[in-house]
Amino acid sequence: MGEFTHLDPAGKPMMVDVGHKSETQRTARARAIITLPKEVFENFENDDIKTKKGSVIQTAVLAGIMGAKKTSELIPLCHPLALDNCQVEIKNIGHNQLEIICVAKISAKTGVEMEALTGASIAALTIYDMCKAFSKKIVISEIQLIEKTGGKNDYQSK
């Protein structure tokens, strides 16, 4: 059974001390699914949606990368990390759904799961923002960690 790592013995919030850990290569892959109603999806053409605000997919890719880079500013107890790499891919998976995959990489003493999850989430929120004029019935779901490597334990979702 695990323990909450961000609580001190008195139950107060704390940042995890990673000073004693060794640097390792770490990678995390996260995913989000965004379901677009018909009135939005019918604007999807050539793997993108063009709006008055510009290219939805390319803007979401940039926003996802920027979000991953700013994770520690958004989530209070995350360590500030200088990512070695971050990539966001958005593809049509059918059924009016887009899959967003964010991969974050770093050589550090702590993992990049939160950066990958934040990147996928911010990309999804950007798509919502840019498409909400067509419909407010857009659904963001299945935000999850797909896999992580490096550190104490590797993880892969089933």
Protein backbone atom coordinates (compact mmCIF):
# COMPACT_ATOMS: atom_id res chain seq x y z
CA MET A 1 0.00 0.00 0.00
CA GLY A 2 1.37 3.40 -0.96
CA GLU A 3 1.65 6.52 1.14
CA PHE A 4 0.89 10.11 0.30
CA THR A 5 4.30 11.50 -0.58
CA HIS A 6 3.30 15.17 -0.31
CA LEU A 7 2.26 15.10 3.36
CA ASP A 8 4.58 15.44 6.34
CA PRO A 9 4.10 13.26 9.46
CA ALA A 10 1.60 15.83 10.82
CA GLY A 11 -0.44 15.65 7.60
CA LYS A 12 0.59 19.05 6.29
CA PRO A 13 1.47 19.61 2.61
CA MET A 14 5.16 19.43 1.73
CA MET A 15 7.35 19.27 -1.32
CA VAL A 16 9.11 15.91 -1.68
CA ASP A 17 12.84 16.16 -1.00
CA VAL A 18 14.63 14.67 -4.01
CA GLY A 19 18.10 15.86 -3.01
CA HIS A 20 19.33 12.35 -2.19
CA LYS A 21 18.10 10.79 -5.44
CA SER A 22 20.28 10.07 -8.46
CA GLU A 23 19.57 11.61 -11.82
CA THR A 24 18.12 9.12 -14.31
CA GLN A 25 16.57 9.34 -17.75
CA ARG A 26 12.83 9.71 -17.23
CA THR A 27 9.99 9.62 -19.70
CA ALA A 28 6.23 9.90 -19.24
CA ARG A 29 3.45 9.46 -21.78
CA ALA A 30 -0.05 10.76 -21.03
CA ARG A 31 -3.26 10.81 -23.00
CA ALA A 32 -6.52 12.73 -23.18
CA ILE A 33 -9.55 12.05 -25.34
CA ILE A 34 -11.72 14.87 -26.62
CA THR A 35 -15.13 14.11 -28.10
CA LEU A 36 -16.46 16.72 -30.48
CA PRO A 37 -20.15 17.04 -31.33
CA LYS A 38 -21.15 16.68 -34.98
CA GLU A 39 -21.36 20.45 -35.52
CA VAL A 40 -17.71 20.79 -34.50
CA PHE A 41 -16.38 17.62 -36.12
CA GLU A 42 -17.88 18.46 -39.52
CA ASN A 43 -15.34 21.32 -39.60
CA PHE A 44 -12.47 18.81 -39.27
CA GLU A 45 -10.64 18.73 -42.60
CA ASN A 46 -7.12 17.61 -43.55
CA ASP A 47 -6.36 16.63 -39.92
CA ASP A 48 -7.22 20.08 -38.55
CA ILE A 49 -10.00 22.52 -37.82
CA LYS A 50 -9.56 26.05 -39.08
CA THR A 51 -11.28 28.80 -37.10
CA LYS A 52 -11.11 32.59 -36.98
CA LYS A 53 -8.56 32.06 -34.18
CA GLY A 54 -6.39 29.92 -36.50
CA SER A 55 -5.41 26.26 -36.71
CA VAL A 56 -6.98 24.40 -33.78
CA ILE A 57 -4.65 21.39 -33.79
CA GLN A 58 -1.39 23.28 -34.24
CA THR A 59 -2.39 25.80 -31.57
CA ALA A 60 -3.29 22.95 -29.19
CA VAL A 61 0.09 21.27 -29.81
CA LEU A 62 1.93 24.48 -28.88
CA ALA A 63 -0.32 25.04 -25.85
CA GLY A 64 0.29 21.48 -24.64
CA ILE A 65 4.05 21.93 -24.83
CA MET A 66 3.83 25.31 -23.07
CA GLY A 67 1.57 23.80 -20.38
CA ALA A 68 4.00 20.95 -19.73
CA LYS A 69 6.84 23.46 -19.34
CA LYS A 70 4.81 25.45 -16.77
CA THR A 71 3.52 22.53 -14.69
CA SER A 72 5.24 23.63 -11.48
CA GLU A 73 3.53 27.02 -11.77
CA LEU A 74 0.12 25.34 -11.93
CA ILE A 75 0.45 22.46 -9.45
CA PRO A 76 1.75 23.74 -6.10
CA LEU A 77 4.07 20.91 -4.98
CA CYS A 78 5.61 19.98 -8.34
CA HIS A 79 9.31 20.59 -8.76
CA PRO A 80 10.25 23.10 -11.46
CA LEU A 81 11.81 21.07 -14.27
CA ALA A 82 13.70 22.03 -17.41
CA LEU A 83 12.38 19.43 -19.83
CA ASP A 84 14.81 17.86 -22.28
CA ASN A 85 11.95 17.26 -24.71
CA CYS A 86 8.19 17.47 -24.92
CA GLN A 87 6.05 16.35 -27.84
CA VAL A 88 2.30 16.54 -28.34
CA GLU A 89 0.52 14.55 -31.03
CA ILE A 90 -3.18 14.91 -31.81
CA LYS A 91 -4.96 12.49 -34.12
CA ASN A 92 -8.47 11.58 -35.18
CA ILE A 93 -9.36 8.17 -33.72
CA GLY A 94 -12.91 8.01 -35.12
CA HIS A 95 -16.31 8.38 -33.47
CA ASN A 96 -15.85 12.19 -33.48
CA GLN A 97 -12.91 11.77 -31.09
CA LEU A 98 -9.39 13.14 -31.04
CA GLU A 99 -6.61 11.46 -29.06
CA ILE A 100 -3.99 13.72 -27.53
CA ILE A 101 -0.67 12.12 -26.54
CA CYS A 102 1.94 14.12 -24.65
CA VAL A 103 5.42 12.71 -24.07
CA ALA A 104 7.79 14.48 -21.68
CA LYS A 105 11.46 13.56 -21.22
CA ILE A 106 14.14 14.66 -18.80
CA SER A 107 17.33 13.56 -17.07
CA ALA A 108 16.55 14.45 -13.44
CA LYS A 109 15.98 13.33 -9.87
CA THR A 110 12.20 13.37 -10.22
CA GLY A 111 9.72 12.15 -12.81
CA VAL A 112 7.76 13.98 -15.48
CA GLU A 113 4.34 12.35 -15.13
CA MET A 114 2.68 15.59 -14.10
CA GLU A 115 4.26 17.42 -17.03
CA ALA A 116 2.92 14.87 -19.51
CA LEU A 117 -0.54 14.92 -17.90
CA THR A 118 -0.58 18.72 -17.86
CA GLY A 119 0.50 18.89 -21.50
CA ALA A 120 -2.31 16.56 -22.61
CA SER A 121 -4.85 18.44 -20.47
CA ILE A 122 -3.87 21.90 -21.70
CA ALA A 123 -3.94 20.75 -25.33
CA ALA A 124 -7.49 19.40 -24.77
CA LEU A 125 -8.59 22.62 -23.06
CA THR A 126 -7.19 24.63 -25.97
CA ILE A 127 -9.25 22.61 -28.44
CA TYR A 128 -12.31 23.25 -26.28
CA ASP A 129 -11.58 26.99 -26.14
CA MET A 130 -11.08 27.29 -29.88
CA CYS A 131 -14.17 25.23 -30.77
CA LYS A 132 -16.67 26.35 -28.13
CA ALA A 133 -18.25 28.84 -30.56
CA PHE A 134 -19.50 25.81 -32.56
CA SER A 135 -20.79 23.92 -29.51
CA LYS A 136 -20.44 23.76 -25.72
CA LYS A 137 -21.09 19.97 -25.80
CA ILE A 138 -17.39 19.13 -26.20
CA VAL A 139 -16.27 16.44 -23.71
CA ILE A 140 -12.73 16.00 -22.40
CA SER A 141 -12.19 12.53 -20.91
CA GLU A 142 -9.75 9.77 -20.12
CA ILE A 143 -6.90 11.98 -19.01
CA GLN A 144 -4.44 9.35 -17.85
CA LEU A 145 -0.84 8.32 -17.52
CA ILE A 146 -0.09 5.71 -20.18
CA GLU A 147 3.47 4.90 -19.14
CA LYS A 148 6.51 6.17 -17.30
CA THR A 149 10.11 5.02 -17.25
CA GLY A 150 13.04 5.92 -15.02
CA GLY A 151 13.22 6.39 -11.30
CA LYS A 152 12.24 3.71 -8.78
CA ASN A 153 9.44 2.07 -10.73
CA ASP A 154 8.38 1.91 -14.34
CA TYR A 155 4.66 1.95 -15.12
CA GLN A 156 2.52 0.96 -18.08
CA SER A 157 -1.28 1.10 -18.16
CA LYS A 158 -3.05 -1.99 -19.32
